[in-house]
Amino acid sequence: MSEIVDAAVTALNRRLDGAGIDGAVRFVIEDEGALLISADGAAADAGDGDADCTLTASAETFQDILAGDLDPTSAFMSGRLRVEGNMGLAMKLGTLLS
């Protein structure tokens, strides 16, 4: 697992503590790996679990979103963040991240 994925798991677990995500979101960080966000929190993802939504972005985009330097909706609208699956769940996660 990459350092970026490890750092993302730690940061997301702090941010999402008790947030009550209803479903599972896979976040694919290009060239780094993936993580799965669910009601249990964030964890590194081997890619074998089901997800209701998959978000894909570069490491730079993901780090900018986590740092608060890039709004997830803006990232999506500009094509820097791709979403497949449950758009409502993606929007809820985006709200929690911003």
PDB file of N, CA and C in Angstrom:
ATOM      1  N   MET A   1       0.841  -1.171   0.000  1.00  0.00           N
ATOM      2  CA  MET A   1       0.000   0.000   0.000  1.00  0.00           C
ATOM      3  C   MET A   1       0.891   1.241   0.000  1.00  0.00           C
ATOM      4  N   SER A   2       0.459   2.275  -0.705  1.00  0.00           N
ATOM      5  CA  SER A   2       1.284   3.472  -0.824  1.00  0.00           C
ATOM      6  C   SER A   2       1.124   4.390   0.387  1.00  0.00           C
ATOM      7  N   GLU A   3       2.080   5.267   0.545  1.00  0.00           N
ATOM      8  CA  GLU A   3       2.019   6.246   1.632  1.00  0.00           C
ATOM      9  C   GLU A   3       0.819   7.166   1.465  1.00  0.00           C
ATOM     10  N   ILE A   4       0.471   7.477   0.210  1.00  0.00           N
ATOM     11  CA  ILE A   4      -0.674   8.356  -0.053  1.00  0.00           C
ATOM     12  C   ILE A   4      -1.961   7.690   0.414  1.00  0.00           C
ATOM     13  N   VAL A   5      -2.126   6.404   0.122  1.00  0.00           N
ATOM     14  CA  VAL A   5      -3.325   5.684   0.562  1.00  0.00           C
ATOM     15  C   VAL A   5      -3.347   5.600   2.082  1.00  0.00           C
ATOM     16  N   ASP A   6      -2.224   5.295   2.709  1.00  0.00           N
ATOM     17  CA  ASP A   6      -2.153   5.240   4.177  1.00  0.00           C
ATOM     18  C   ASP A   6      -2.560   6.566   4.798  1.00  0.00           C
ATOM     19  N   ALA A   7      -2.018   7.657   4.272  1.00  0.00           N
ATOM     20  CA  ALA A   7      -2.338   8.988   4.797  1.00  0.00           C
ATOM     21  C   ALA A   7      -3.806   9.327   4.576  1.00  0.00           C
ATOM     22  N   ALA A   8      -4.336   8.929   3.426  1.00  0.00           N
ATOM     23  CA  ALA A   8      -5.744   9.191   3.116  1.00  0.00           C
ATOM     24  C   ALA A   8      -6.665   8.444   4.076  1.00  0.00           C
ATOM     25  N   VAL A   9      -6.357   7.197   4.361  1.00  0.00           N
ATOM     26  CA  VAL A   9      -7.168   6.407   5.295  1.00  0.00           C
ATOM     27  C   VAL A   9      -7.194   7.088   6.659  1.00  0.00           C
ATOM     28  N   THR A  10      -6.045   7.513   7.144  1.00  0.00           N
ATOM     29  CA  THR A  10      -5.960   8.178   8.446  1.00  0.00           C
ATOM     30  C   THR A  10      -6.769   9.480   8.451  1.00  0.00           C
ATOM     31  N   ALA A  11      -6.578  10.309   7.423  1.00  0.00           N
ATOM     32  CA  ALA A  11      -7.280  11.601   7.356  1.00  0.00           C
ATOM     33  C   ALA A  11      -8.788  11.408   7.230  1.00  0.00           C
ATOM     34  N   LEU A  12      -9.208  10.466   6.407  1.00  0.00           N
ATOM     35  CA  LEU A  12     -10.640  10.243   6.224  1.00  0.00           C
ATOM     36  C   LEU A  12     -11.291   9.699   7.490  1.00  0.00           C
ATOM     37  N   ASN A  13     -10.619   8.824   8.190  1.00  0.00           N
ATOM     38  CA  ASN A  13     -11.200   8.300   9.427  1.00  0.00           C
ATOM     39  C   ASN A  13     -11.388   9.400  10.466  1.00  0.00           C
ATOM     40  N   ARG A  14     -10.480  10.376  10.493  1.00  0.00           N
ATOM     41  CA  ARG A  14     -10.648  11.515  11.403  1.00  0.00           C
ATOM     42  C   ARG A  14     -11.833  12.367  10.984  1.00  0.00           C
ATOM     43  N   ARG A  15     -11.956  12.629   9.697  1.00  0.00           N
ATOM     44  CA  ARG A  15     -13.011  13.496   9.179  1.00  0.00           C
ATOM     45  C   ARG A  15     -14.391  12.858   9.228  1.00  0.00           C
ATOM     46  N   LEU A  16     -14.467  11.581   8.984  1.00  0.00           N
ATOM     47  CA  LEU A  16     -15.756  10.918   8.842  1.00  0.00           C
ATOM     48  C   LEU A  16     -16.242  10.255  10.114  1.00  0.00           C
ATOM     49  N   ASP A  17     -15.539  10.437  11.213  1.00  0.00           N
ATOM     50  CA  ASP A  17     -15.895   9.801  12.469  1.00  0.00           C
ATOM     51  C   ASP A  17     -17.360  10.079  12.802  1.00  0.00           C
ATOM     52  N   GLY A  18     -18.167   9.024  12.792  1.00  0.00           N
ATOM     53  CA  GLY A  18     -19.582   9.159  13.127  1.00  0.00           C
ATOM     54  C   GLY A  18     -20.439   9.792  12.053  1.00  0.00           C
ATOM     55  N   ALA A  19     -19.928   9.957  10.837  1.00  0.00           N
ATOM     56  CA  ALA A  19     -20.675  10.632   9.780  1.00  0.00           C
ATOM     57  C   ALA A  19     -21.820   9.798   9.230  1.00  0.00           C
ATOM     58  N   GLY A  20     -21.777   8.485   9.406  1.00  0.00           N
ATOM     59  CA  GLY A  20     -22.889   7.644   8.968  1.00  0.00           C
ATOM     60  C   GLY A  20     -23.041   7.523   7.467  1.00  0.00           C
ATOM     61  N   ILE A  21     -21.994   7.151   6.776  1.00  0.00           N
ATOM     62  CA  ILE A  21     -22.085   6.918   5.338  1.00  0.00           C
ATOM     63  C   ILE A  21     -22.985   5.704   5.118  1.00  0.00           C
ATOM     64  N   ASP A  22     -24.031   5.881   4.325  1.00  0.00           N
ATOM     65  CA  ASP A  22     -24.985   4.808   4.056  1.00  0.00           C
ATOM     66  C   ASP A  22     -24.641   4.172   2.715  1.00  0.00           C
ATOM     67  N   GLY A  23     -23.723   3.228   2.738  1.00  0.00           N
ATOM     68  CA  GLY A  23     -23.271   2.570   1.518  1.00  0.00           C
ATOM     69  C   GLY A  23     -21.765   2.451   1.538  1.00  0.00           C
ATOM     70  N   ALA A  24     -21.220   2.058   0.407  1.00  0.00           N
ATOM     71  CA  ALA A  24     -19.767   1.904   0.294  1.00  0.00           C
ATOM     72  C   ALA A  24     -19.267   2.664  -0.922  1.00  0.00           C
ATOM     73  N   VAL A  25     -18.216   3.426  -0.708  1.00  0.00           N
ATOM     74  CA  VAL A  25     -17.601   4.216  -1.782  1.00  0.00           C
ATOM     75  C   VAL A  25     -16.155   3.774  -1.938  1.00  0.00           C
ATOM     76  N   ARG A  26     -15.782   3.414  -3.144  1.00  0.00           N
ATOM     77  CA  ARG A  26     -14.382   3.087  -3.445  1.00  0.00           C
ATOM     78  C   ARG A  26     -13.757   4.343  -4.039  1.00  0.00           C
ATOM     79  N   PHE A  27     -12.616   4.733  -3.507  1.00  0.00           N
ATOM     80  CA  PHE A  27     -11.882   5.870  -4.057  1.00  0.00           C
ATOM     81  C   PHE A  27     -10.592   5.334  -4.645  1.00  0.00           C
ATOM     82  N   VAL A  28     -10.484   5.413  -5.963  1.00  0.00           N
ATOM     83  CA  VAL A  28      -9.302   4.940  -6.670  1.00  0.00           C
ATOM     84  C   VAL A  28      -8.370   6.129  -6.875  1.00  0.00           C
ATOM     85  N   ILE A  29      -7.166   6.013  -6.326  1.00  0.00           N
ATOM     86  CA  ILE A  29      -6.149   7.047  -6.504  1.00  0.00           C
ATOM     87  C   ILE A  29      -5.191   6.511  -7.557  1.00  0.00           C
ATOM     88  N   GLU A  30      -5.231   7.130  -8.729  1.00  0.00           N
ATOM     89  CA  GLU A  30      -4.460   6.631  -9.865  1.00  0.00           C
ATOM     90  C   GLU A  30      -2.988   6.437  -9.520  1.00  0.00           C
ATOM     91  N   ASP A  31      -2.449   5.299  -9.906  1.00  0.00           N
ATOM     92  CA  ASP A  31      -1.053   4.919  -9.713  1.00  0.00           C
ATOM     93  C   ASP A  31      -0.654   4.742  -8.248  1.00  0.00           C
ATOM     94  N   GLU A  32      -1.633   4.750  -7.330  1.00  0.00           N
ATOM     95  CA  GLU A  32      -1.318   4.614  -5.904  1.00  0.00           C
ATOM     96  C   GLU A  32      -2.053   3.454  -5.250  1.00  0.00           C
ATOM     97  N   GLY A  33      -3.318   3.269  -5.587  1.00  0.00           N
ATOM     98  CA  GLY A  33      -4.131   2.239  -4.961  1.00  0.00           C
ATOM     99  C   GLY A  33      -5.542   2.727  -4.745  1.00  0.00           C
ATOM    100  N   ALA A  34      -6.246   2.080  -3.845  1.00  0.00           N
ATOM    101  CA  ALA A  34      -7.645   2.434  -3.597  1.00  0.00           C
ATOM    102  C   ALA A  34      -7.964   2.291  -2.117  1.00  0.00           C
ATOM    103  N   LEU A  35      -9.050   2.959  -1.728  1.00  0.00           N
ATOM    104  CA  LEU A  35      -9.550   2.801  -0.385  1.00  0.00           C
ATOM    105  C   LEU A  35     -11.053   2.680  -0.446  1.00  0.00           C
ATOM    106  N   LEU A  36     -11.618   2.069   0.566  1.00  0.00           N
ATOM    107  CA  LEU A  36     -13.054   1.858   0.639  1.00  0.00           C
ATOM    108  C   LEU A  36     -13.578   2.610   1.847  1.00  0.00           C
ATOM    109  N   ILE A  37     -14.604   3.427   1.624  1.00  0.00           N
ATOM    110  CA  ILE A  37     -15.217   4.215   2.674  1.00  0.00           C
ATOM    111  C   ILE A  37     -16.624   3.660   2.888  1.00  0.00           C
ATOM    112  N   SER A  38     -16.933   3.324   4.146  1.00  0.00           N
ATOM    113  CA  SER A  38     -18.255   2.779   4.477  1.00  0.00           C
ATOM    114  C   SER A  38     -18.648   3.254   5.868  1.00  0.00           C
ATOM    115  N   ALA A  39     -19.738   2.707   6.378  1.00  0.00           N
ATOM    116  CA  ALA A  39     -20.181   3.066   7.728  1.00  0.00           C
ATOM    117  C   ALA A  39     -19.123   2.715   8.772  1.00  0.00           C
ATOM    118  N   ASP A  40     -18.250   1.766   8.446  1.00  0.00           N
ATOM    119  CA  ASP A  40     -17.180   1.366   9.361  1.00  0.00           C
ATOM    120  C   ASP A  40     -15.965   2.285   9.300  1.00  0.00           C
ATOM    121  N   GLY A  41     -15.956   3.241   8.371  1.00  0.00           N
ATOM    122  CA  GLY A  41     -14.826   4.148   8.199  1.00  0.00           C
ATOM    123  C   GLY A  41     -14.095   3.873   6.901  1.00  0.00           C
ATOM    124  N   ALA A  42     -12.888   4.358   6.812  1.00  0.00           N
ATOM    125  CA  ALA A  42     -12.064   4.189   5.611  1.00  0.00           C
ATOM    126  C   ALA A  42     -11.008   3.126   5.867  1.00  0.00           C
ATOM    127  N   ALA A  43     -10.729   2.353   4.819  1.00  0.00           N
ATOM    128  CA  ALA A  43      -9.700   1.313   4.919  1.00  0.00           C
ATOM    129  C   ALA A  43      -9.097   1.111   3.543  1.00  0.00           C
ATOM    130  N   ALA A  44      -7.856   0.653   3.500  1.00  0.00           N
ATOM    131  CA  ALA A  44      -7.234   0.308   2.223  1.00  0.00           C
ATOM    132  C   ALA A  44      -8.091  -0.759   1.564  1.00  0.00           C
ATOM    133  N   ASP A  45      -8.191  -0.715   0.250  1.00  0.00           N
ATOM    134  CA  ASP A  45      -9.088  -1.602  -0.488  1.00  0.00           C
ATOM    135  C   ASP A  45      -8.310  -2.437  -1.485  1.00  0.00           C
ATOM    136  N   ALA A  46      -8.503  -3.736  -1.412  1.00  0.00           N
ATOM    137  CA  ALA A  46      -7.875  -4.647  -2.368  1.00  0.00           C
ATOM    138  C   ALA A  46      -8.684  -4.747  -3.652  1.00  0.00           C
ATOM    139  N   GLY A  47      -9.841  -4.111  -3.691  1.00  0.00           N
ATOM    140  CA  GLY A  47     -10.645  -4.087  -4.903  1.00  0.00           C
ATOM    141  C   GLY A  47     -11.593  -5.251  -5.056  1.00  0.00           C
ATOM    142  N   ASP A  48     -11.748  -6.050  -4.019  1.00  0.00           N
ATOM    143  CA  ASP A  48     -12.614  -7.207  -4.160  1.00  0.00           C
ATOM    144  C   ASP A  48     -13.976  -7.044  -3.490  1.00  0.00           C
ATOM    145  N   GLY A  49     -14.212  -5.938  -2.824  1.00  0.00           N
ATOM    146  CA  GLY A  49     -15.497  -5.688  -2.187  1.00  0.00           C
ATOM    147  C   GLY A  49     -16.426  -4.898  -3.092  1.00  0.00           C
ATOM    148  N   ASP A  50     -17.719  -5.027  -2.845  1.00  0.00           N
ATOM    149  CA  ASP A  50     -18.699  -4.276  -3.615  1.00  0.00           C
ATOM    150  C   ASP A  50     -18.717  -2.829  -3.148  1.00  0.00           C
ATOM    151  N   ALA A  51     -18.945  -1.934  -4.096  1.00  0.00           N
ATOM    152  CA  ALA A  51     -19.077  -0.509  -3.784  1.00  0.00           C
ATOM    153  C   ALA A  51     -20.291   0.033  -4.525  1.00  0.00           C
ATOM    154  N   ASP A  52     -21.011   0.946  -3.877  1.00  0.00           N
ATOM    155  CA  ASP A  52     -22.170   1.575  -4.490  1.00  0.00           C
ATOM    156  C   ASP A  52     -21.754   2.689  -5.436  1.00  0.00           C
ATOM    157  N   CYS A  53     -20.542   3.182  -5.228  1.00  0.00           N
ATOM    158  CA  CYS A  53     -20.039   4.309  -6.006  1.00  0.00           C
ATOM    159  C   CYS A  53     -18.517   4.204  -6.077  1.00  0.00           C
ATOM    160  N   THR A  54     -17.960   4.556  -7.220  1.00  0.00           N
ATOM    161  CA  THR A  54     -16.506   4.577  -7.369  1.00  0.00           C
ATOM    162  C   THR A  54     -16.082   5.960  -7.827  1.00  0.00           C
ATOM    163  N   LEU A  55     -15.156   6.558  -7.084  1.00  0.00           N
ATOM    164  CA  LEU A  55     -14.586   7.853  -7.425  1.00  0.00           C
ATOM    165  C   LEU A  55     -13.144   7.613  -7.861  1.00  0.00           C
ATOM    166  N   THR A  56     -12.740   8.258  -8.938  1.00  0.00           N
ATOM    167  CA  THR A  56     -11.385   8.086  -9.450  1.00  0.00           C
ATOM    168  C   THR A  56     -10.757   9.453  -9.682  1.00  0.00           C
ATOM    169  N   ALA A  57      -9.528   9.620  -9.183  1.00  0.00           N
ATOM    170  CA  ALA A  57      -8.815  10.884  -9.356  1.00  0.00           C
ATOM    171  C   ALA A  57      -7.320  10.630  -9.244  1.00  0.00           C
ATOM    172  N   SER A  58      -6.551  11.601  -9.681  1.00  0.00           N
ATOM    173  CA  SER A  58      -5.098  11.526  -9.515  1.00  0.00           C
ATOM    174  C   SER A  58      -4.765  11.743  -8.041  1.00  0.00           C
ATOM    175  N   ALA A  59      -3.557  11.382  -7.665  1.00  0.00           N
ATOM    176  CA  ALA A  59      -3.107  11.597  -6.287  1.00  0.00           C
ATOM    177  C   ALA A  59      -3.144  13.084  -5.952  1.00  0.00           C
ATOM    178  N   GLU A  60      -2.733  13.915  -6.885  1.00  0.00           N
ATOM    179  CA  GLU A  60      -2.731  15.366  -6.645  1.00  0.00           C
ATOM    180  C   GLU A  60      -4.140  15.887  -6.383  1.00  0.00           C
ATOM    181  N   THR A  61      -5.098  15.470  -7.197  1.00  0.00           N
ATOM    182  CA  THR A  61      -6.481  15.908  -7.008  1.00  0.00           C
ATOM    183  C   THR A  61      -7.017  15.441  -5.664  1.00  0.00           C
ATOM    184  N   PHE A  62      -6.772  14.186  -5.336  1.00  0.00           N
ATOM    185  CA  PHE A  62      -7.254  13.645  -4.067  1.00  0.00           C
ATOM    186  C   PHE A  62      -6.648  14.405  -2.889  1.00  0.00           C
ATOM    187  N   GLN A  63      -5.358  14.671  -2.940  1.00  0.00           N
ATOM    188  CA  GLN A  63      -4.709  15.401  -1.856  1.00  0.00           C
ATOM    189  C   GLN A  63      -5.247  16.827  -1.749  1.00  0.00           C
ATOM    190  N   ASP A  64      -5.523  17.462  -2.892  1.00  0.00           N
ATOM    191  CA  ASP A  64      -6.091  18.813  -2.879  1.00  0.00           C
ATOM    192  C   ASP A  64      -7.479  18.820  -2.243  1.00  0.00           C
ATOM    193  N   ILE A  65      -8.292  17.781  -2.530  1.00  0.00           N
ATOM    194  CA  ILE A  65      -9.620  17.685  -1.933  1.00  0.00           C
ATOM    195  C   ILE A  65      -9.501  17.508  -0.417  1.00  0.00           C
ATOM    196  N   LEU A  66      -8.647  16.592   0.020  1.00  0.00           N
ATOM    197  CA  LEU A  66      -8.479  16.358   1.459  1.00  0.00           C
ATOM    198  C   LEU A  66      -7.933  17.574   2.199  1.00  0.00           C
ATOM    199  N   ALA A  67      -7.074  18.339   1.523  1.00  0.00           N
ATOM    200  CA  ALA A  67      -6.484  19.522   2.151  1.00  0.00           C
ATOM    201  C   ALA A  67      -7.459  20.697   2.191  1.00  0.00           C
ATOM    202  N   GLY A  68      -8.578  20.568   1.476  1.00  0.00           N
ATOM    203  CA  GLY A  68      -9.543  21.655   1.418  1.00  0.00           C
ATOM    204  C   GLY A  68      -9.213  22.693   0.369  1.00  0.00           C
ATOM    205  N   ASP A  69      -8.229  22.396  -0.481  1.00  0.00           N
ATOM    206  CA  ASP A  69      -7.829  23.331  -1.528  1.00  0.00           C
ATOM    207  C   ASP A  69      -8.656  23.184  -2.802  1.00  0.00           C
ATOM    208  N   LEU A  70      -9.431  22.097  -2.894  1.00  0.00           N
ATOM    209  CA  LEU A  70     -10.242  21.836  -4.088  1.00  0.00           C
ATOM    210  C   LEU A  70     -11.582  21.285  -3.646  1.00  0.00           C
ATOM    211  N   ASP A  71     -12.645  21.954  -4.058  1.00  0.00           N
ATOM    212  CA  ASP A  71     -13.995  21.502  -3.762  1.00  0.00           C
ATOM    213  C   ASP A  71     -14.294  20.251  -4.596  1.00  0.00           C
ATOM    214  N   PRO A  72     -14.812  19.176  -3.987  1.00  0.00           N
ATOM    215  CA  PRO A  72     -15.086  17.960  -4.746  1.00  0.00           C
ATOM    216  C   PRO A  72     -16.030  18.182  -5.937  1.00  0.00           C
ATOM    217  N   THR A  73     -17.014  19.060  -5.777  1.00  0.00           N
ATOM    218  CA  THR A  73     -17.925  19.340  -6.883  1.00  0.00           C
ATOM    219  C   THR A  73     -17.190  20.022  -8.034  1.00  0.00           C
ATOM    220  N   SER A  74     -16.308  20.946  -7.722  1.00  0.00           N
ATOM    221  CA  SER A  74     -15.509  21.611  -8.749  1.00  0.00           C
ATOM    222  C   SER A  74     -14.594  20.615  -9.452  1.00  0.00           C
ATOM    223  N   ALA A  75     -14.028  19.687  -8.672  1.00  0.00           N
ATOM    224  CA  ALA A  75     -13.162  18.659  -9.255  1.00  0.00           C
ATOM    225  C   ALA A  75     -13.956  17.801 -10.237  1.00  0.00           C
ATOM    226  N   PHE A  76     -15.185  17.453  -9.871  1.00  0.00           N
ATOM    227  CA  PHE A  76     -16.038  16.659 -10.748  1.00  0.00           C
ATOM    228  C   PHE A  76     -16.406  17.443 -12.010  1.00  0.00           C
ATOM    229  N   MET A  77     -16.822  18.681 -11.822  1.00  0.00           N
ATOM    230  CA  MET A  77     -17.259  19.507 -12.960  1.00  0.00           C
ATOM    231  C   MET A  77     -16.116  19.784 -13.940  1.00  0.00           C
ATOM    232  N   SER A  78     -14.888  19.828 -13.439  1.00  0.00           N
ATOM    233  CA  SER A  78     -13.741  20.102 -14.308  1.00  0.00           C
ATOM    234  C   SER A  78     -13.130  18.826 -14.894  1.00  0.00           C
ATOM    235  N   GLY A  79     -13.685  17.669 -14.526  1.00  0.00           N
ATOM    236  CA  GLY A  79     -13.180  16.405 -15.059  1.00  0.00           C
ATOM    237  C   GLY A  79     -12.001  15.826 -14.299  1.00  0.00           C
ATOM    238  N   ARG A  80     -11.608  16.454 -13.208  1.00  0.00           N
ATOM    239  CA  ARG A  80     -10.482  15.940 -12.420  1.00  0.00           C
ATOM    240  C   ARG A  80     -10.895  14.788 -11.515  1.00  0.00           C
ATOM    241  N   LEU A  81     -12.200  14.668 -11.253  1.00  0.00           N
ATOM    242  CA  LEU A  81     -12.757  13.604 -10.425  1.00  0.00           C
ATOM    243  C   LEU A  81     -13.857  12.914 -11.221  1.00  0.00           C
ATOM    244  N   ARG A  82     -13.721  11.601 -11.400  1.00  0.00           N
ATOM    245  CA  ARG A  82     -14.727  10.833 -12.139  1.00  0.00           C
ATOM    246  C   ARG A  82     -15.570  10.026 -11.150  1.00  0.00           C
ATOM    247  N   VAL A  83     -16.871   9.956 -11.431  1.00  0.00           N
ATOM    248  CA  VAL A  83     -17.804   9.266 -10.551  1.00  0.00           C
ATOM    249  C   VAL A  83     -18.573   8.226 -11.349  1.00  0.00           C
ATOM    250  N   GLU A  84     -18.633   7.004 -10.826  1.00  0.00           N
ATOM    251  CA  GLU A  84     -19.442   5.945 -11.406  1.00  0.00           C
ATOM    252  C   GLU A  84     -20.329   5.384 -10.302  1.00  0.00           C
ATOM    253  N   GLY A  85     -21.605   5.189 -10.608  1.00  0.00           N
ATOM    254  CA  GLY A  85     -22.513   4.599  -9.628  1.00  0.00           C
ATOM    255  C   GLY A  85     -23.401   5.631  -8.974  1.00  0.00           C
ATOM    256  N   ASN A  86     -23.675   5.448  -7.701  1.00  0.00           N
ATOM    257  CA  ASN A  86     -24.629   6.235  -6.936  1.00  0.00           C
ATOM    258  C   ASN A  86     -24.149   7.679  -6.748  1.00  0.00           C
ATOM    259  N   MET A  87     -24.692   8.577  -7.576  1.00  0.00           N
ATOM    260  CA  MET A  87     -24.280   9.985  -7.541  1.00  0.00           C
ATOM    261  C   MET A  87     -24.692  10.651  -6.218  1.00  0.00           C
ATOM    262  N   GLY A  88     -25.825  10.267  -5.648  1.00  0.00           N
ATOM    263  CA  GLY A  88     -26.267  10.833  -4.374  1.00  0.00           C
ATOM    264  C   GLY A  88     -25.285  10.534  -3.257  1.00  0.00           C
ATOM    265  N   LEU A  89     -24.773   9.317  -3.232  1.00  0.00           N
ATOM    266  CA  LEU A  89     -23.780   8.938  -2.228  1.00  0.00           C
ATOM    267  C   LEU A  89     -22.482   9.717  -2.446  1.00  0.00           C
ATOM    268  N   ALA A  90     -22.096   9.890  -3.695  1.00  0.00           N
ATOM    269  CA  ALA A  90     -20.891  10.668  -4.004  1.00  0.00           C
ATOM    270  C   ALA A  90     -21.057  12.111  -3.528  1.00  0.00           C
ATOM    271  N   MET A  91     -22.240  12.681  -3.732  1.00  0.00           N
ATOM    272  CA  MET A  91     -22.485  14.064  -3.311  1.00  0.00           C
ATOM    273  C   MET A  91     -22.460  14.185  -1.788  1.00  0.00           C
ATOM    274  N   LYS A  92     -23.006  13.186  -1.092  1.00  0.00           N
ATOM    275  CA  LYS A  92     -22.983  13.217   0.376  1.00  0.00           C
ATOM    276  C   LYS A  92     -21.545  13.155   0.881  1.00  0.00           C
ATOM    277  N   LEU A  93     -20.745  12.280   0.294  1.00  0.00           N
ATOM    278  CA  LEU A  93     -19.337  12.187   0.688  1.00  0.00           C
ATOM    279  C   LEU A  93     -18.617  13.498   0.377  1.00  0.00           C
ATOM    280  N   GLY A  94     -18.898  14.081  -0.788  1.00  0.00           N
ATOM    281  CA  GLY A  94     -18.288  15.354  -1.156  1.00  0.00           C
ATOM    282  C   GLY A  94     -18.598  16.443  -0.144  1.00  0.00           C
ATOM    283  N   THR A  95     -19.844  16.469   0.341  1.00  0.00           N
ATOM    284  CA  THR A  95     -20.238  17.451   1.350  1.00  0.00           C
ATOM    285  C   THR A  95     -19.457  17.236   2.647  1.00  0.00           C
ATOM    286  N   LEU A  96     -19.255  15.978   3.020  1.00  0.00           N
ATOM    287  CA  LEU A  96     -18.513  15.686   4.240  1.00  0.00           C
ATOM    288  C   LEU A  96     -17.043  16.036   4.118  1.00  0.00           C
ATOM    289  N   LEU A  97     -16.513  15.977   2.893  1.00  0.00           N
ATOM    290  CA  LEU A  97     -15.087  16.261   2.678  1.00  0.00           C
ATOM    291  C   LEU A  97     -14.793  17.748   2.550  1.00  0.00           C
ATOM    292  N   SER A  98     -15.802  18.534   2.202  1.00  0.00           N
ATOM    293  CA  SER A  98     -15.520  19.964   1.974  1.00  0.00           C
ATOM    294  C   SER A  98     -15.744  20.795   3.210  1.00  0.00           C
TER     295      SER A  98
END
